[in-house]
PDB file of all heavy atoms in Angstrom:
ATOM      1  N   ASN A   1     -60.692-184.931 -29.772  1.00  0.00           N
ATOM      2  CA  ASN A   1     -61.787-185.853 -30.061  1.00  0.00           C
ATOM      3  C   ASN A   1     -61.680-187.188 -29.338  1.00  0.00           C
ATOM      4  O   ASN A   1     -62.412-188.123 -29.666  1.00  0.00           O
ATOM      5  CB  ASN A   1     -61.841-186.100 -31.577  1.00  0.00           C
ATOM      6  CG  ASN A   1     -62.037-184.828 -32.361  1.00  0.00           C
ATOM      7  OD1 ASN A   1     -62.883-184.005 -32.033  1.00  0.00           O
ATOM      8  ND2 ASN A   1     -61.235-184.642 -33.402  1.00  0.00           N
ATOM      9  N   LEU A   2     -60.790-187.302 -28.358  1.00  0.00           N
ATOM     10  CA  LEU A   2     -60.652-188.552 -27.622  1.00  0.00           C
ATOM     11  C   LEU A   2     -61.897-188.823 -26.784  1.00  0.00           C
ATOM     12  O   LEU A   2     -62.522-187.900 -26.247  1.00  0.00           O
ATOM     13  CB  LEU A   2     -59.427-188.497 -26.718  1.00  0.00           C
ATOM     14  CG  LEU A   2     -58.060-188.523 -27.411  1.00  0.00           C
ATOM     15  CD1 LEU A   2     -56.951-188.307 -26.386  1.00  0.00           C
ATOM     16  CD2 LEU A   2     -57.846-189.847 -28.146  1.00  0.00           C
ATOM     17  N   ASP A   3     -62.234-190.107 -26.635  1.00  0.00           N
ATOM     18  CA  ASP A   3     -63.387-190.483 -25.820  1.00  0.00           C
ATOM     19  C   ASP A   3     -63.160-190.139 -24.349  1.00  0.00           C
ATOM     20  O   ASP A   3     -64.085-189.715 -23.651  1.00  0.00           O
ATOM     21  CB  ASP A   3     -63.663-191.984 -25.947  1.00  0.00           C
ATOM     22  CG  ASP A   3     -64.092-192.379 -27.351  1.00  0.00           C
ATOM     23  OD1 ASP A   3     -64.798-191.584 -27.996  1.00  0.00           O
ATOM     24  OD2 ASP A   3     -63.723-193.481 -27.798  1.00  0.00           O
ATOM     25  N   PHE A   4     -61.922-190.357 -23.880  1.00  0.00           N
ATOM     26  CA  PHE A   4     -61.587-190.124 -22.476  1.00  0.00           C
ATOM     27  C   PHE A   4     -60.457-189.102 -22.379  1.00  0.00           C
ATOM     28  O   PHE A   4     -59.872-188.700 -23.394  1.00  0.00           O
ATOM     29  CB  PHE A   4     -61.162-191.434 -21.800  1.00  0.00           C
ATOM     30  CG  PHE A   4     -62.271-192.433 -21.672  1.00  0.00           C
ATOM     31  CD1 PHE A   4     -62.512-193.356 -22.687  1.00  0.00           C
ATOM     32  CD2 PHE A   4     -63.089-192.457 -20.555  1.00  0.00           C
ATOM     33  CE1 PHE A   4     -63.535-194.276 -22.591  1.00  0.00           C
ATOM     34  CE2 PHE A   4     -64.119-193.369 -20.442  1.00  0.00           C
ATOM     35  CZ  PHE A   4     -64.349-194.282 -21.462  1.00  0.00           C
ATOM     36  N   ILE A   5     -60.148-188.695 -21.156  1.00  0.00           N
ATOM     37  CA  ILE A   5     -59.052-187.763 -20.923  1.00  0.00           C
ATOM     38  C   ILE A   5     -57.751-188.558 -20.970  1.00  0.00           C
ATOM     39  O   ILE A   5     -57.391-189.243 -20.022  1.00  0.00           O
ATOM     40  CB  ILE A   5     -59.205-187.049 -19.568  1.00  0.00           C
ATOM     41  CG1 ILE A   5     -60.543-186.315 -19.520  1.00  0.00           C
ATOM     42  CG2 ILE A   5     -58.047-186.077 -19.330  1.00  0.00           C
ATOM     43  CD1 ILE A   5     -60.874-185.732 -18.154  1.00  0.00           C
ATOM     44  N   GLY A   6     -57.060-188.510 -22.067  1.00  0.00           N
ATOM     45  CA  GLY A   6     -55.872-189.321 -22.253  1.00  0.00           C
ATOM     46  C   GLY A   6     -56.200-190.631 -22.933  1.00  0.00           C
ATOM     47  O   GLY A   6     -57.345-191.091 -22.962  1.00  0.00           O
ATOM     48  N   ARG A   7     -55.167-191.255 -23.484  1.00  0.00           N
ATOM     49  CA  ARG A   7     -55.323-192.507 -24.212  1.00  0.00           C
ATOM     50  C   ARG A   7     -55.162-193.696 -23.281  1.00  0.00           C
ATOM     51  O   ARG A   7     -54.730-193.557 -22.144  1.00  0.00           O
ATOM     52  CB  ARG A   7     -54.338-192.562 -25.378  1.00  0.00           C
ATOM     53  CG  ARG A   7     -54.641-191.512 -26.449  1.00  0.00           C
ATOM     54  CD  ARG A   7     -53.642-191.529 -27.572  1.00  0.00           C
ATOM     55  NE  ARG A   7     -54.069-190.655 -28.659  1.00  0.00           N
ATOM     56  CZ  ARG A   7     -53.820-189.355 -28.725  1.00  0.00           C
ATOM     57  NH1 ARG A   7     -53.124-188.768 -27.748  1.00  0.00           N
ATOM     58  NH2 ARG A   7     -54.258-188.626 -29.737  1.00  0.00           N
ATOM     59  N   SER A   8     -55.461-194.878 -23.789  1.00  0.00           N
ATOM     60  CA  SER A   8     -55.412-196.103 -22.998  1.00  0.00           C
ATOM     61  C   SER A   8     -53.980-196.466 -22.633  1.00  0.00           C
ATOM     62  O   SER A   8     -53.013-195.988 -23.240  1.00  0.00           O
ATOM     63  CB  SER A   8     -56.041-197.256 -23.784  1.00  0.00           C
ATOM     64  OG  SER A   8     -55.290-197.509 -24.963  1.00  0.00           O
ATOM     65  N   GLY A   9     -53.838-197.366 -21.647  1.00  0.00           N
ATOM     66  CA  GLY A   9     -52.523-197.782 -21.194  1.00  0.00           C
ATOM     67  C   GLY A   9     -51.710-198.453 -22.281  1.00  0.00           C
ATOM     68  O   GLY A   9     -50.516-198.175 -22.444  1.00  0.00           O
ATOM     69  N   VAL A  10     -52.324-199.339 -23.077  1.00  0.00           N
ATOM     70  CA  VAL A  10     -51.570-200.063 -24.088  1.00  0.00           C
ATOM     71  C   VAL A  10     -51.131-199.141 -25.223  1.00  0.00           C
ATOM     72  O   VAL A  10     -50.017-199.285 -25.764  1.00  0.00           O
ATOM     73  CB  VAL A  10     -52.389-201.253 -24.634  1.00  0.00           C
ATOM     74  CG1 VAL A  10     -53.631-200.788 -25.395  1.00  0.00           C
ATOM     75  CG2 VAL A  10     -51.516-202.130 -25.520  1.00  0.00           C
ATOM     76  N   VAL A  11     -51.939-198.174 -25.590  1.00  0.00           N
ATOM     77  CA  VAL A  11     -51.547-197.224 -26.635  1.00  0.00           C
ATOM     78  C   VAL A  11     -50.408-196.344 -26.143  1.00  0.00           C
ATOM     79  O   VAL A  11     -49.431-196.095 -26.867  1.00  0.00           O
ATOM     80  CB  VAL A  11     -52.756-196.384 -27.088  1.00  0.00           C
ATOM     81  CG1 VAL A  11     -52.317-195.238 -28.001  1.00  0.00           C
ATOM     82  CG2 VAL A  11     -53.767-197.265 -27.803  1.00  0.00           C
ATOM     83  N   ASN A  12     -50.495-195.871 -24.901  1.00  0.00           N
ATOM     84  CA  ASN A  12     -49.413-195.057 -24.347  1.00  0.00           C
ATOM     85  C   ASN A  12     -48.107-195.837 -24.253  1.00  0.00           C
ATOM     86  O   ASN A  12     -47.023-195.277 -24.449  1.00  0.00           O
ATOM     87  CB  ASN A  12     -49.798-194.539 -22.957  1.00  0.00           C
ATOM     88  CG  ASN A  12     -50.793-193.398 -23.020  1.00  0.00           C
ATOM     89  OD1 ASN A  12     -50.814-192.630 -23.966  1.00  0.00           O
ATOM     90  ND2 ASN A  12     -51.637-193.295 -22.005  1.00  0.00           N
ATOM     91  N   GLN A  13     -48.180-197.131 -23.964  1.00  0.00           N
ATOM     92  CA  GLN A  13     -46.973-197.925 -23.743  1.00  0.00           C
ATOM     93  C   GLN A  13     -46.364-198.474 -25.029  1.00  0.00           C
ATOM     94  O   GLN A  13     -45.137-198.632 -25.104  1.00  0.00           O
ATOM     95  CB  GLN A  13     -47.263-199.082 -22.786  1.00  0.00           C
ATOM     96  CG  GLN A  13     -47.453-198.677 -21.333  1.00  0.00           C
ATOM     97  CD  GLN A  13     -46.151-198.233 -20.681  1.00  0.00           C
ATOM     98  OE1 GLN A  13     -45.068-198.313 -21.256  1.00  0.00           O
ATOM     99  NE2 GLN A  13     -46.251-197.761 -19.456  1.00  0.00           N
ATOM    100  N   LEU A  14     -47.176-198.799 -26.024  1.00  0.00           N
ATOM    101  CA  LEU A  14     -46.660-199.557 -27.163  1.00  0.00           C
ATOM    102  C   LEU A  14     -46.743-198.837 -28.513  1.00  0.00           C
ATOM    103  O   LEU A  14     -45.955-199.153 -29.411  1.00  0.00           O
ATOM    104  CB  LEU A  14     -47.374-200.906 -27.270  1.00  0.00           C
ATOM    105  CG  LEU A  14     -47.107-201.911 -26.152  1.00  0.00           C
ATOM    106  CD1 LEU A  14     -47.892-203.198 -26.393  1.00  0.00           C
ATOM    107  CD2 LEU A  14     -45.621-202.219 -26.023  1.00  0.00           C
ATOM    108  N   ALA A  15     -47.667-197.937 -28.719  1.00  0.00           N
ATOM    109  CA  ALA A  15     -47.799-197.298 -30.030  1.00  0.00           C
ATOM    110  C   ALA A  15     -46.527-196.528 -30.375  1.00  0.00           C
ATOM    111  O   ALA A  15     -45.922-195.892 -29.506  1.00  0.00           O
ATOM    112  CB  ALA A  15     -49.006-196.361 -30.044  1.00  0.00           C
ATOM    113  N   PRO A  16     -46.079-196.572 -31.648  1.00  0.00           N
ATOM    114  CA  PRO A  16     -44.799-195.970 -32.020  1.00  0.00           C
ATOM    115  C   PRO A  16     -44.715-194.452 -31.916  1.00  0.00           C
ATOM    116  O   PRO A  16     -43.625-193.897 -32.092  1.00  0.00           O
ATOM    117  CB  PRO A  16     -44.623-196.420 -33.488  1.00  0.00           C
ATOM    118  CG  PRO A  16     -45.430-197.659 -33.599  1.00  0.00           C
ATOM    119  CD  PRO A  16     -46.613-197.443 -32.710  1.00  0.00           C
ATOM    120  N   ASN A  17     -45.810-193.752 -31.708  1.00  0.00           N
ATOM    121  CA  ASN A  17     -45.796-192.317 -31.463  1.00  0.00           C
ATOM    122  C   ASN A  17     -45.483-191.526 -32.733  1.00  0.00           C
ATOM    123  O   ASN A  17     -45.404-192.058 -33.819  1.00  0.00           O
ATOM    124  CB  ASN A  17     -44.800-191.953 -30.352  1.00  0.00           C
ATOM    125  CG  ASN A  17     -45.304-190.822 -29.472  1.00  0.00           C
ATOM    126  OD1 ASN A  17     -45.831-189.822 -29.946  1.00  0.00           O
ATOM    127  ND2 ASN A  17     -45.166-190.989 -28.165  1.00  0.00           N
ATOM    128  N   ARG A  18     -45.328-190.208 -32.565  1.00  0.00           N
ATOM    129  CA  ARG A  18     -44.920-189.363 -33.691  1.00  0.00           C
ATOM    130  C   ARG A  18     -43.474-189.671 -34.064  1.00  0.00           C
ATOM    131  O   ARG A  18     -42.646-189.934 -33.197  1.00  0.00           O
ATOM    132  CB  ARG A  18     -45.062-187.883 -33.323  1.00  0.00           C
ATOM    133  CG  ARG A  18     -46.504-187.377 -33.369  1.00  0.00           C
ATOM    134  CD  ARG A  18     -46.562-185.914 -32.941  1.00  0.00           C
ATOM    135  NE  ARG A  18     -47.817-185.288 -33.309  1.00  0.00           N
ATOM    136  CZ  ARG A  18     -48.919-185.305 -32.574  1.00  0.00           C
ATOM    137  NH1 ARG A  18     -48.919-185.945 -31.409  1.00  0.00           N
ATOM    138  NH2 ARG A  18     -50.024-184.700 -32.977  1.00  0.00           N
ATOM    139  N   GLN A  19     -43.190-189.570 -35.359  1.00  0.00           N
ATOM    140  CA  GLN A  19     -41.866-189.891 -35.863  1.00  0.00           C
ATOM    141  C   GLN A  19     -41.527-188.982 -37.043  1.00  0.00           C
ATOM    142  O   GLN A  19     -42.416-188.416 -37.690  1.00  0.00           O
ATOM    143  CB  GLN A  19     -41.804-191.356 -36.336  1.00  0.00           C
ATOM    144  CG  GLN A  19     -42.164-192.397 -35.300  1.00  0.00           C
ATOM    145  CD  GLN A  19     -41.059-192.639 -34.300  1.00  0.00           C
ATOM    146  OE1 GLN A  19     -39.898-192.246 -34.521  1.00  0.00           O
ATOM    147  NE2 GLN A  19     -41.386-193.293 -33.188  1.00  0.00           N
ATOM    148  N   VAL A  20     -40.230-188.874 -37.339  1.00  0.00           N
ATOM    149  CA  VAL A  20     -39.766-188.196 -38.547  1.00  0.00           C
ATOM    150  C   VAL A  20     -39.563-189.250 -39.630  1.00  0.00           C
ATOM    151  O   VAL A  20     -38.855-190.243 -39.410  1.00  0.00           O
ATOM    152  CB  VAL A  20     -38.459-187.438 -38.295  1.00  0.00           C
ATOM    153  CG1 VAL A  20     -37.967-186.776 -39.591  1.00  0.00           C
ATOM    154  CG2 VAL A  20     -38.643-186.387 -37.207  1.00  0.00           C
ATOM    155  N   GLY A  21     -40.195-189.056 -40.783  1.00  0.00           N
ATOM    156  CA  GLY A  21     -40.050-190.040 -41.847  1.00  0.00           C
ATOM    157  C   GLY A  21     -40.900-189.702 -43.047  1.00  0.00           C
ATOM    158  O   GLY A  21     -41.263-188.538 -43.284  1.00  0.00           O
ATOM    159  N   VAL A  22     -41.251-190.728 -43.812  1.00  0.00           N
ATOM    160  CA  VAL A  22     -42.046-190.568 -45.027  1.00  0.00           C
ATOM    161  C   VAL A  22     -43.136-191.631 -45.044  1.00  0.00           C
ATOM    162  O   VAL A  22     -42.940-192.747 -44.553  1.00  0.00           O
ATOM    163  CB  VAL A  22     -41.150-190.664 -46.281  1.00  0.00           C
ATOM    164  CG1 VAL A  22     -40.486-192.035 -46.384  1.00  0.00           C
ATOM    165  CG2 VAL A  22     -41.929-190.343 -47.549  1.00  0.00           C
ATOM    166  N   GLN A  23     -44.280-191.281 -45.610  1.00  0.00           N
ATOM    167  CA  GLN A  23     -45.433-192.182 -45.614  1.00  0.00           C
ATOM    168  C   GLN A  23     -46.186-192.060 -46.930  1.00  0.00           C
ATOM    169  O   GLN A  23     -46.306-190.961 -47.489  1.00  0.00           O
ATOM    170  CB  GLN A  23     -46.376-191.831 -44.461  1.00  0.00           C
ATOM    171  CG  GLN A  23     -47.713-192.550 -44.474  1.00  0.00           C
ATOM    172  CD  GLN A  23     -48.638-192.077 -43.376  1.00  0.00           C
ATOM    173  OE1 GLN A  23     -48.462-192.412 -42.211  1.00  0.00           O
ATOM    174  NE2 GLN A  23     -49.650-191.281 -43.739  1.00  0.00           N
ATOM    175  N   VAL A  24     -46.683-193.192 -47.428  1.00  0.00           N
ATOM    176  CA  VAL A  24     -47.610-193.186 -48.558  1.00  0.00           C
ATOM    177  C   VAL A  24     -48.961-193.676 -48.052  1.00  0.00           C
ATOM    178  O   VAL A  24     -49.038-194.520 -47.152  1.00  0.00           O
ATOM    179  CB  VAL A  24     -47.111-194.077 -49.713  1.00  0.00           C
ATOM    180  CG1 VAL A  24     -45.834-193.514 -50.309  1.00  0.00           C
ATOM    181  CG2 VAL A  24     -46.907-195.513 -49.273  1.00  0.00           C
ATOM    182  N   SER A  25     -50.039-193.132 -48.612  1.00  0.00           N
ATOM    183  CA  SER A  25     -51.375-193.488 -48.152  1.00  0.00           C
ATOM    184  C   SER A  25     -52.370-193.272 -49.270  1.00  0.00           C
ATOM    185  O   SER A  25     -52.083-192.616 -50.281  1.00  0.00           O
ATOM    186  CB  SER A  25     -51.770-192.657 -46.922  1.00  0.00           C
ATOM    187  OG  SER A  25     -51.813-191.279 -47.252  1.00  0.00           O
ATOM    188  N   GLY A  26     -53.556-193.826 -49.094  1.00  0.00           N
ATOM    189  CA  GLY A  26     -54.609-193.637 -50.075  1.00  0.00           C
ATOM    190  C   GLY A  26     -55.833-194.459 -49.729  1.00  0.00           C
ATOM    191  O   GLY A  26     -55.842-195.231 -48.763  1.00  0.00           O
ATOM    192  N   THR A  27     -56.873-194.295 -50.526  1.00  0.00           N
ATOM    193  CA  THR A  27     -58.120-195.025 -50.326  1.00  0.00           C
ATOM    194  C   THR A  27     -58.506-195.725 -51.622  1.00  0.00           C
ATOM    195  O   THR A  27     -58.066-195.338 -52.715  1.00  0.00           O
ATOM    196  CB  THR A  27     -59.261-194.092 -49.905  1.00  0.00           C
ATOM    197  OG1 THR A  27     -59.451-193.090 -50.926  1.00  0.00           O
ATOM    198  CG2 THR A  27     -58.944-193.391 -48.592  1.00  0.00           C
ATOM    199  N   SER A  28     -59.302-196.758 -51.489  1.00  0.00           N
ATOM    200  CA  SER A  28     -59.832-197.432 -52.672  1.00  0.00           C
ATOM    201  C   SER A  28     -60.844-196.524 -53.362  1.00  0.00           C
ATOM    202  O   SER A  28     -61.330-195.547 -52.780  1.00  0.00           O
ATOM    203  CB  SER A  28     -60.474-198.760 -52.276  1.00  0.00           C
ATOM    204  OG  SER A  28     -61.539-198.550 -51.354  1.00  0.00           O
ATOM    205  N   GLU A  29     -61.175-196.832 -54.603  1.00  0.00           N
ATOM    206  CA  GLU A  29     -62.080-195.984 -55.370  1.00  0.00           C
ATOM    207  C   GLU A  29     -63.456-195.874 -54.735  1.00  0.00           C
ATOM    208  O   GLU A  29     -64.120-194.834 -54.837  1.00  0.00           O
ATOM    209  CB  GLU A  29     -62.189-196.501 -56.808  1.00  0.00           C
ATOM    210  CG  GLU A  29     -60.901-196.326 -57.605  1.00  0.00           C
ATOM    211  CD  GLU A  29     -61.087-196.682 -59.066  1.00  0.00           C
ATOM    212  OE1 GLU A  29     -62.236-197.044 -59.442  1.00  0.00           O
ATOM    213  OE2 GLU A  29     -60.113-196.588 -59.825  1.00  0.00           O
ATOM    214  N   ASP A  30     -63.894-196.940 -54.059  1.00  0.00           N
ATOM    215  CA  ASP A  30     -65.203-196.887 -53.408  1.00  0.00           C
ATOM    216  C   ASP A  30     -65.138-196.271 -52.016  1.00  0.00           C
ATOM    217  O   ASP A  30     -66.170-196.120 -51.356  1.00  0.00           O
ATOM    218  CB  ASP A  30     -65.828-198.278 -53.329  1.00  0.00           C
ATOM    219  CG  ASP A  30     -64.957-199.286 -52.590  1.00  0.00           C
ATOM    220  OD1 ASP A  30     -63.961-198.878 -51.950  1.00  0.00           O
ATOM    221  OD2 ASP A  30     -65.260-200.492 -52.648  1.00  0.00           O
ATOM    222  N   GLY A  31     -63.935-195.913 -51.533  1.00  0.00           N
ATOM    223  CA  GLY A  31     -63.779-195.264 -50.243  1.00  0.00           C
ATOM    224  C   GLY A  31     -63.837-196.182 -49.047  1.00  0.00           C
ATOM    225  O   GLY A  31     -63.738-195.708 -47.914  1.00  0.00           O
TER     226      GLY A  31
END
């Protein structure tokens, strides 16, 4: 679903990428 073929330069260089770990998440009641 990416807009372009591959991600931007800053995302490729700085985003922490896939990792092994644990995460908590959720949404507010109104979404």
